[in-house]
């Protein structure tokens, strides 16, 4: 038996529209919404009675695990690509001294790298303008 569609071709080539939810998901949401207060009360009662799973669920809602935190670290000012060496050395020293974790320093390093790329693009643009001005006899 052959299907309605050619092999390797989807019946919906554009795919599901973003944000479109299935009928089942909408029904489940409706049921949960209608019973939300009772379910929350039950979870709290179970947690109070010592149910570890319910306790974990309640605590995760009250105090979710932080995925990020502010990092206070004075990075040396970066005004040119030459300044990146000072910033990088400061990050390495902070990791070596335990002031920053390696992952915190890596994230800060990504910010430094993005800032340096922005400086490089600006410097290239400035050089290009100067070269164009020289090629046009200084006329613009």
N, C-alpha and C. Protein backbone atom coordinates (compact mmCIF):
# COMPACT_ATOMS: atom_id res chain seq x y z
N UNK A 1 0.85 -1.18 0.00
CA UNK A 1 0.00 0.00 0.00
C UNK A 1 0.89 1.24 0.00
N UNK A 2 0.58 2.15 -0.85
CA UNK A 2 1.37 3.38 -0.92
C UNK A 2 0.65 4.48 -0.17
N UNK A 3 1.44 5.40 0.41
CA UNK A 3 0.88 6.52 1.14
C UNK A 3 0.45 7.63 0.21
N UNK A 4 -0.13 8.65 0.78
CA UNK A 4 -0.58 9.79 -0.01
C UNK A 4 0.56 10.69 -0.43
N UNK A 5 1.70 10.58 0.27
CA UNK A 5 2.81 11.50 0.03
C UNK A 5 3.99 10.74 -0.57
N UNK A 6 4.78 11.44 -1.33
CA UNK A 6 5.98 10.85 -1.89
C UNK A 6 6.98 10.59 -0.77
N UNK A 7 7.81 9.55 -0.96
CA UNK A 7 8.80 9.20 0.04
C UNK A 7 9.73 10.39 0.28
N UNK A 8 9.94 10.72 1.57
CA UNK A 8 10.82 11.81 1.94
C UNK A 8 10.18 13.18 1.89
N UNK A 9 8.88 13.25 1.59
CA UNK A 9 8.20 14.54 1.53
C UNK A 9 7.12 14.58 2.59
N UNK A 10 7.15 15.62 3.40
CA UNK A 10 6.19 15.76 4.48
C UNK A 10 4.83 16.19 3.93
N UNK A 11 3.79 15.79 4.64
CA UNK A 11 2.45 16.25 4.28
C UNK A 11 2.24 17.70 4.68
N UNK A 12 3.12 18.22 5.52
CA UNK A 12 3.05 19.61 5.95
C UNK A 12 4.47 20.18 5.89
N UNK A 13 4.92 20.56 4.68
CA UNK A 13 6.32 20.99 4.53
C UNK A 13 6.69 22.21 5.37
N UNK A 14 5.75 23.05 5.72
CA UNK A 14 6.07 24.22 6.54
C UNK A 14 6.13 23.86 8.02
N UNK A 15 5.70 22.70 8.40
CA UNK A 15 5.75 22.27 9.79
C UNK A 15 4.66 22.90 10.63
N UNK A 16 4.70 22.56 11.90
CA UNK A 16 3.71 23.09 12.85
C UNK A 16 3.98 24.57 13.07
N UNK A 17 2.94 25.35 13.13
CA UNK A 17 3.08 26.78 13.39
C UNK A 17 3.57 26.99 14.81
N UNK A 18 4.50 27.94 15.01
CA UNK A 18 4.99 28.20 16.37
C UNK A 18 3.84 28.62 17.28
N UNK A 19 3.86 28.07 18.48
CA UNK A 19 2.84 28.44 19.47
C UNK A 19 1.55 27.65 19.35
N UNK A 20 1.42 26.84 18.30
CA UNK A 20 0.20 26.06 18.11
C UNK A 20 0.26 24.85 19.04
N UNK A 21 -0.77 24.70 19.85
CA UNK A 21 -0.80 23.59 20.81
C UNK A 21 -1.82 22.56 20.38
N UNK A 22 -1.55 21.32 20.71
CA UNK A 22 -2.48 20.25 20.34
C UNK A 22 -3.75 20.37 21.18
N UNK A 23 -4.79 19.75 20.67
CA UNK A 23 -6.07 19.77 21.38
C UNK A 23 -5.93 19.10 22.75
N UNK A 24 -5.16 18.01 22.80
CA UNK A 24 -4.95 17.30 24.06
C UNK A 24 -4.26 18.20 25.08
N UNK A 25 -3.23 18.93 24.65
CA UNK A 25 -2.51 19.82 25.56
C UNK A 25 -3.45 20.90 26.10
N UNK A 26 -4.32 21.42 25.25
CA UNK A 26 -5.27 22.44 25.71
C UNK A 26 -6.26 21.86 26.73
N UNK A 27 -6.71 20.61 26.50
CA UNK A 27 -7.63 19.98 27.45
C UNK A 27 -6.96 19.74 28.79
N UNK A 28 -5.71 19.27 28.75
CA UNK A 28 -4.98 19.02 29.99
C UNK A 28 -4.79 20.32 30.76
N UNK A 29 -4.44 21.40 30.04
CA UNK A 29 -4.30 22.70 30.70
C UNK A 29 -5.60 23.11 31.38
N UNK A 30 -6.71 22.90 30.71
CA UNK A 30 -8.01 23.25 31.28
C UNK A 30 -8.31 22.46 32.55
N UNK A 31 -8.04 21.15 32.51
CA UNK A 31 -8.26 20.31 33.70
C UNK A 31 -7.37 20.76 34.86
N UNK A 32 -6.10 21.01 34.57
CA UNK A 32 -5.19 21.43 35.63
C UNK A 32 -5.58 22.78 36.19
N UNK A 33 -6.02 23.68 35.32
CA UNK A 33 -6.42 25.01 35.78
C UNK A 33 -7.62 24.91 36.72
N UNK A 34 -8.57 24.04 36.38
CA UNK A 34 -9.75 23.87 37.22
C UNK A 34 -9.42 23.29 38.58
N UNK A 35 -8.38 22.49 38.67
CA UNK A 35 -8.03 21.79 39.91
C UNK A 35 -6.76 22.32 40.56
N UNK A 36 -6.24 23.43 40.08
CA UNK A 36 -4.95 23.93 40.54
C UNK A 36 -4.90 24.11 42.06
N UNK A 37 -5.91 24.75 42.61
CA UNK A 37 -5.89 25.02 44.05
C UNK A 37 -5.89 23.73 44.87
N UNK A 38 -6.71 22.77 44.47
CA UNK A 38 -6.76 21.49 45.19
C UNK A 38 -5.45 20.73 45.06
N UNK A 39 -4.86 20.75 43.86
CA UNK A 39 -3.60 20.04 43.64
C UNK A 39 -2.47 20.66 44.47
N UNK A 40 -2.43 21.98 44.51
CA UNK A 40 -1.40 22.66 45.29
C UNK A 40 -1.57 22.35 46.77
N UNK A 41 -2.79 22.38 47.25
CA UNK A 41 -3.05 22.07 48.67
C UNK A 41 -2.62 20.64 48.99
N UNK A 42 -2.93 19.70 48.10
CA UNK A 42 -2.56 18.30 48.30
C UNK A 42 -1.04 18.14 48.33
N UNK A 43 -0.35 18.80 47.41
CA UNK A 43 1.11 18.71 47.37
C UNK A 43 1.70 19.25 48.67
N UNK A 44 1.16 20.33 49.17
CA UNK A 44 1.65 20.92 50.43
C UNK A 44 1.38 19.97 51.59
N UNK A 45 0.17 19.37 51.62
CA UNK A 45 -0.16 18.41 52.69
C UNK A 45 0.79 17.21 52.65
N UNK A 46 1.06 16.70 51.44
CA UNK A 46 1.97 15.55 51.31
C UNK A 46 3.39 15.93 51.75
N UNK A 47 3.81 17.12 51.38
CA UNK A 47 5.15 17.58 51.78
C UNK A 47 5.24 17.68 53.30
N UNK A 48 4.19 18.23 53.93
CA UNK A 48 4.18 18.36 55.39
C UNK A 48 4.18 16.99 56.06
N UNK A 49 3.60 16.00 55.39
CA UNK A 49 3.54 14.65 55.96
C UNK A 49 4.84 13.87 55.72
N UNK A 50 5.79 14.49 55.01
CA UNK A 50 7.09 13.84 54.83
C UNK A 50 7.32 13.23 53.47
N UNK A 51 6.42 13.41 52.52
CA UNK A 51 6.63 12.89 51.17
C UNK A 51 7.76 13.68 50.52
N UNK A 52 8.89 13.02 50.30
CA UNK A 52 10.09 13.69 49.80
C UNK A 52 9.85 14.29 48.41
N UNK A 53 9.16 13.57 47.54
CA UNK A 53 8.89 14.08 46.19
C UNK A 53 8.05 15.34 46.22
N UNK A 54 7.03 15.33 47.06
CA UNK A 54 6.16 16.51 47.19
C UNK A 54 6.93 17.67 47.83
N UNK A 55 7.76 17.35 48.80
CA UNK A 55 8.57 18.38 49.45
C UNK A 55 9.52 19.02 48.45
N UNK A 56 10.16 18.18 47.64
CA UNK A 56 11.08 18.70 46.61
C UNK A 56 10.32 19.60 45.64
N UNK A 57 9.15 19.17 45.21
CA UNK A 57 8.34 19.96 44.28
C UNK A 57 8.00 21.32 44.87
N UNK A 58 7.57 21.33 46.13
CA UNK A 58 7.21 22.61 46.78
C UNK A 58 8.43 23.52 46.92
N UNK A 59 9.55 22.94 47.36
CA UNK A 59 10.75 23.75 47.54
C UNK A 59 11.28 24.30 46.21
N UNK A 60 11.20 23.49 45.15
CA UNK A 60 11.66 23.97 43.84
C UNK A 60 10.83 25.14 43.35
N UNK A 61 9.57 25.19 43.76
CA UNK A 61 8.71 26.32 43.35
C UNK A 61 8.98 27.55 44.22
N UNK A 62 9.26 27.31 45.51
CA UNK A 62 9.51 28.42 46.42
C UNK A 62 10.90 29.02 46.25
N UNK A 63 11.88 28.15 46.06
CA UNK A 63 13.28 28.60 45.94
C UNK A 63 13.95 27.82 44.82
N UNK A 64 13.67 28.18 43.56
CA UNK A 64 14.26 27.43 42.45
C UNK A 64 15.78 27.54 42.45
N UNK A 65 16.42 26.51 41.92
CA UNK A 65 17.87 26.51 41.82
C UNK A 65 18.29 27.67 40.92
N UNK A 66 19.21 28.48 41.43
CA UNK A 66 19.68 29.62 40.65
C UNK A 66 20.63 29.13 39.57
N UNK A 67 20.36 29.55 38.36
CA UNK A 67 21.22 29.15 37.25
C UNK A 67 22.32 30.17 37.03
N UNK A 68 22.16 31.31 37.63
CA UNK A 68 23.11 32.38 37.41
C UNK A 68 23.11 33.27 38.64
N UNK A 69 24.18 33.98 38.84
CA UNK A 69 24.24 34.92 39.94
C UNK A 69 25.11 36.09 39.51
N UNK A 70 24.91 37.24 40.10
CA UNK A 70 25.77 38.36 39.76
C UNK A 70 27.21 38.08 40.18
N UNK A 71 28.13 38.48 39.35
CA UNK A 71 29.54 38.32 39.66
C UNK A 71 30.14 39.72 39.75
N UNK A 72 30.65 40.05 40.91
CA UNK A 72 31.30 41.35 41.10
C UNK A 72 32.79 41.13 40.91
N UNK A 73 33.30 41.67 39.81
CA UNK A 73 34.71 41.51 39.50
C UNK A 73 35.16 42.71 38.69
N UNK A 74 36.17 43.41 39.17
CA UNK A 74 36.63 44.61 38.44
C UNK A 74 37.54 44.24 37.26
N UNK A 75 36.96 44.16 36.08
CA UNK A 75 37.75 43.88 34.88
C UNK A 75 38.43 45.18 34.46
N UNK A 76 39.73 45.11 34.16
CA UNK A 76 40.41 46.31 33.68
C UNK A 76 39.70 46.87 32.43
N UNK A 77 39.73 48.19 32.30
CA UNK A 77 39.04 48.84 31.19
C UNK A 77 39.66 48.39 29.86
N UNK A 78 38.79 48.14 28.89
CA UNK A 78 39.24 47.68 27.58
C UNK A 78 38.82 48.73 26.55
N UNK A 79 39.80 49.50 26.09
CA UNK A 79 39.53 50.53 25.09
C UNK A 79 40.13 50.19 23.74
N UNK A 80 41.04 49.21 23.72
CA UNK A 80 41.64 48.78 22.47
C UNK A 80 41.92 47.29 22.56
N UNK A 81 42.28 46.71 21.44
CA UNK A 81 42.56 45.27 21.44
C UNK A 81 43.78 44.95 22.31
N UNK A 82 44.68 45.92 22.47
CA UNK A 82 45.86 45.69 23.32
C UNK A 82 45.47 45.52 24.79
N UNK A 83 44.37 46.13 25.20
CA UNK A 83 43.93 46.05 26.60
C UNK A 83 43.39 44.67 26.99
N UNK A 84 43.10 43.84 26.01
CA UNK A 84 42.51 42.53 26.31
C UNK A 84 43.49 41.65 27.10
N UNK A 85 44.78 41.86 26.90
CA UNK A 85 45.77 41.06 27.63
C UNK A 85 45.66 41.31 29.13
N UNK A 86 45.46 42.57 29.52
CA UNK A 86 45.31 42.90 30.95
C UNK A 86 44.04 42.26 31.51
N UNK A 87 42.95 42.32 30.75
CA UNK A 87 41.68 41.74 31.21
C UNK A 87 41.80 40.23 31.35
N UNK A 88 42.43 39.60 30.37
CA UNK A 88 42.60 38.15 30.41
C UNK A 88 43.48 37.74 31.59
N UNK A 89 44.55 38.48 31.82
CA UNK A 89 45.44 38.18 32.96
C UNK A 89 44.69 38.33 34.28
N UNK A 90 43.84 39.34 34.38
CA UNK A 90 43.06 39.54 35.61
C UNK A 90 42.11 38.38 35.84
N UNK A 91 41.48 37.88 34.78
CA UNK A 91 40.57 36.74 34.92
C UNK A 91 41.34 35.49 35.36
N UNK A 92 42.50 35.26 34.75
CA UNK A 92 43.31 34.09 35.13
C UNK A 92 43.74 34.18 36.59
N UNK A 93 44.16 35.35 37.01
CA UNK A 93 44.59 35.54 38.40
C UNK A 93 43.43 35.31 39.36
N UNK A 94 42.23 35.77 38.98
CA UNK A 94 41.06 35.60 39.84
C UNK A 94 40.70 34.13 39.99
N UNK A 95 40.86 33.35 38.93
CA UNK A 95 40.60 31.91 39.03
C UNK A 95 41.66 31.25 39.90
N UNK A 96 42.92 31.63 39.69
CA UNK A 96 44.02 31.05 40.46
C UNK A 96 43.89 31.34 41.95
N UNK A 97 43.35 32.51 42.28
CA UNK A 97 43.22 32.87 43.70
C UNK A 97 41.91 32.38 44.31
N UNK A 98 41.02 31.84 43.49
CA UNK A 98 39.74 31.34 44.00
C UNK A 98 38.67 32.41 44.07
N UNK A 99 38.96 33.61 43.58
CA UNK A 99 37.97 34.68 43.58
C UNK A 99 36.83 34.41 42.60
N UNK A 100 37.17 33.76 41.48
CA UNK A 100 36.17 33.36 40.47
C UNK A 100 36.30 31.87 40.22
N UNK A 101 35.19 31.23 39.90
CA UNK A 101 35.25 29.84 39.46
C UNK A 101 35.68 29.84 37.99
N UNK A 102 36.20 28.73 37.51
CA UNK A 102 36.57 28.67 36.09
C UNK A 102 35.39 28.97 35.15
N UNK A 103 34.20 28.51 35.51
CA UNK A 103 33.04 28.77 34.64
C UNK A 103 32.65 30.24 34.67
N UNK A 104 32.78 30.90 35.83
CA UNK A 104 32.49 32.33 35.89
C UNK A 104 33.48 33.11 35.04
N UNK A 105 34.75 32.74 35.14
CA UNK A 105 35.78 33.42 34.34
C UNK A 105 35.55 33.18 32.85
N UNK A 106 35.12 31.96 32.50
CA UNK A 106 34.86 31.66 31.09
C UNK A 106 33.73 32.53 30.56
N UNK A 107 32.67 32.71 31.35
CA UNK A 107 31.56 33.56 30.92
C UNK A 107 31.99 35.01 30.79
N UNK A 108 32.77 35.49 31.75
CA UNK A 108 33.29 36.85 31.65
C UNK A 108 34.22 36.98 30.46
N UNK A 109 34.99 35.93 30.19
CA UNK A 109 35.88 35.93 29.03
C UNK A 109 35.10 36.07 27.72
N UNK A 110 33.93 35.46 27.66
CA UNK A 110 33.08 35.59 26.46
C UNK A 110 32.63 37.04 26.28
N UNK A 111 32.31 37.69 27.38
CA UNK A 111 31.92 39.10 27.31
C UNK A 111 33.08 39.97 26.84
N UNK A 112 34.28 39.69 27.37
CA UNK A 112 35.47 40.43 26.95
C UNK A 112 35.71 40.21 25.46
N UNK A 113 35.59 38.97 25.03
CA UNK A 113 35.81 38.63 23.61
C UNK A 113 34.82 39.37 22.71
N UNK A 114 33.55 39.43 23.10
CA UNK A 114 32.55 40.14 22.31
C UNK A 114 32.87 41.63 22.26
N UNK A 115 33.33 42.18 23.38
CA UNK A 115 33.68 43.61 23.43
C UNK A 115 34.88 43.89 22.52
N UNK A 116 35.86 43.00 22.54
CA UNK A 116 37.04 43.17 21.69
C UNK A 116 36.65 43.08 20.22
N UNK A 117 35.75 42.18 19.87
CA UNK A 117 35.29 42.10 18.47
C UNK A 117 34.63 43.40 18.05
N UNK A 118 33.84 44.00 18.95
CA UNK A 118 33.20 45.28 18.63
C UNK A 118 34.25 46.36 18.41
N UNK A 119 35.29 46.36 19.23
CA UNK A 119 36.38 47.33 19.06
C UNK A 119 37.08 47.10 17.72
N UNK A 120 37.35 45.83 17.40
CA UNK A 120 38.02 45.51 16.14
C UNK A 120 37.21 45.98 14.94
N UNK A 121 35.92 45.76 14.96
CA UNK A 121 35.06 46.19 13.86
C UNK A 121 35.10 47.70 13.73
N UNK A 122 35.05 48.39 14.85
CA UNK A 122 35.10 49.86 14.82
C UNK A 122 36.44 50.34 14.27
N UNK A 123 37.54 49.70 14.70
CA UNK A 123 38.87 50.08 14.20
C UNK A 123 38.98 49.82 12.71
N UNK A 124 38.47 48.70 12.23
CA UNK A 124 38.51 48.39 10.80
C UNK A 124 37.69 49.41 10.01
N UNK A 125 36.55 49.75 10.53
CA UNK A 125 35.70 50.74 9.86
C UNK A 125 36.41 52.09 9.78
N UNK A 126 37.05 52.50 10.86
CA UNK A 126 37.80 53.76 10.86
C UNK A 126 38.94 53.73 9.84
N UNK A 127 39.67 52.61 9.79
CA UNK A 127 40.78 52.48 8.82
C UNK A 127 40.26 52.53 7.40
N UNK A 128 39.12 51.88 7.16
CA UNK A 128 38.54 51.87 5.82
C UNK A 128 38.15 53.28 5.38
N UNK A 129 37.57 54.03 6.29
CA UNK A 129 37.19 55.41 5.97
C UNK A 129 38.43 56.23 5.64
N UNK A 130 39.51 56.07 6.44
CA UNK A 130 40.74 56.81 6.17
C UNK A 130 41.34 56.43 4.82
N UNK A 131 41.33 55.14 4.50
CA UNK A 131 41.86 54.68 3.20
C UNK A 131 41.04 55.23 2.05
N UNK A 132 39.73 55.22 2.21
CA UNK A 132 38.86 55.77 1.16
C UNK A 132 39.11 57.25 0.98
N UNK A 133 39.31 57.96 2.09
CA UNK A 133 39.61 59.39 2.02
C UNK A 133 40.93 59.63 1.29
N UNK A 134 41.92 58.80 1.55
CA UNK A 134 43.22 58.95 0.89
C UNK A 134 43.10 58.66 -0.59
N UNK A 135 42.32 57.67 -0.95
CA UNK A 135 42.14 57.30 -2.36
C UNK A 135 41.34 58.35 -3.13
N UNK A 136 40.54 59.11 -2.46
CA UNK A 136 39.73 60.13 -3.12
C UNK A 136 40.39 61.49 -3.02
N UNK A 137 41.69 61.50 -2.67
CA UNK A 137 42.39 62.77 -2.56
C UNK A 137 41.94 63.58 -1.37
N UNK A 138 41.42 62.91 -0.36
CA UNK A 138 40.96 63.62 0.83
C UNK A 138 39.60 64.26 0.68
N UNK A 139 38.96 64.04 -0.48
CA UNK A 139 37.64 64.65 -0.71
C UNK A 139 36.56 63.65 -0.33
N UNK A 140 35.55 64.12 0.31
CA UNK A 140 34.39 63.26 0.65
C UNK A 140 33.14 63.96 0.32
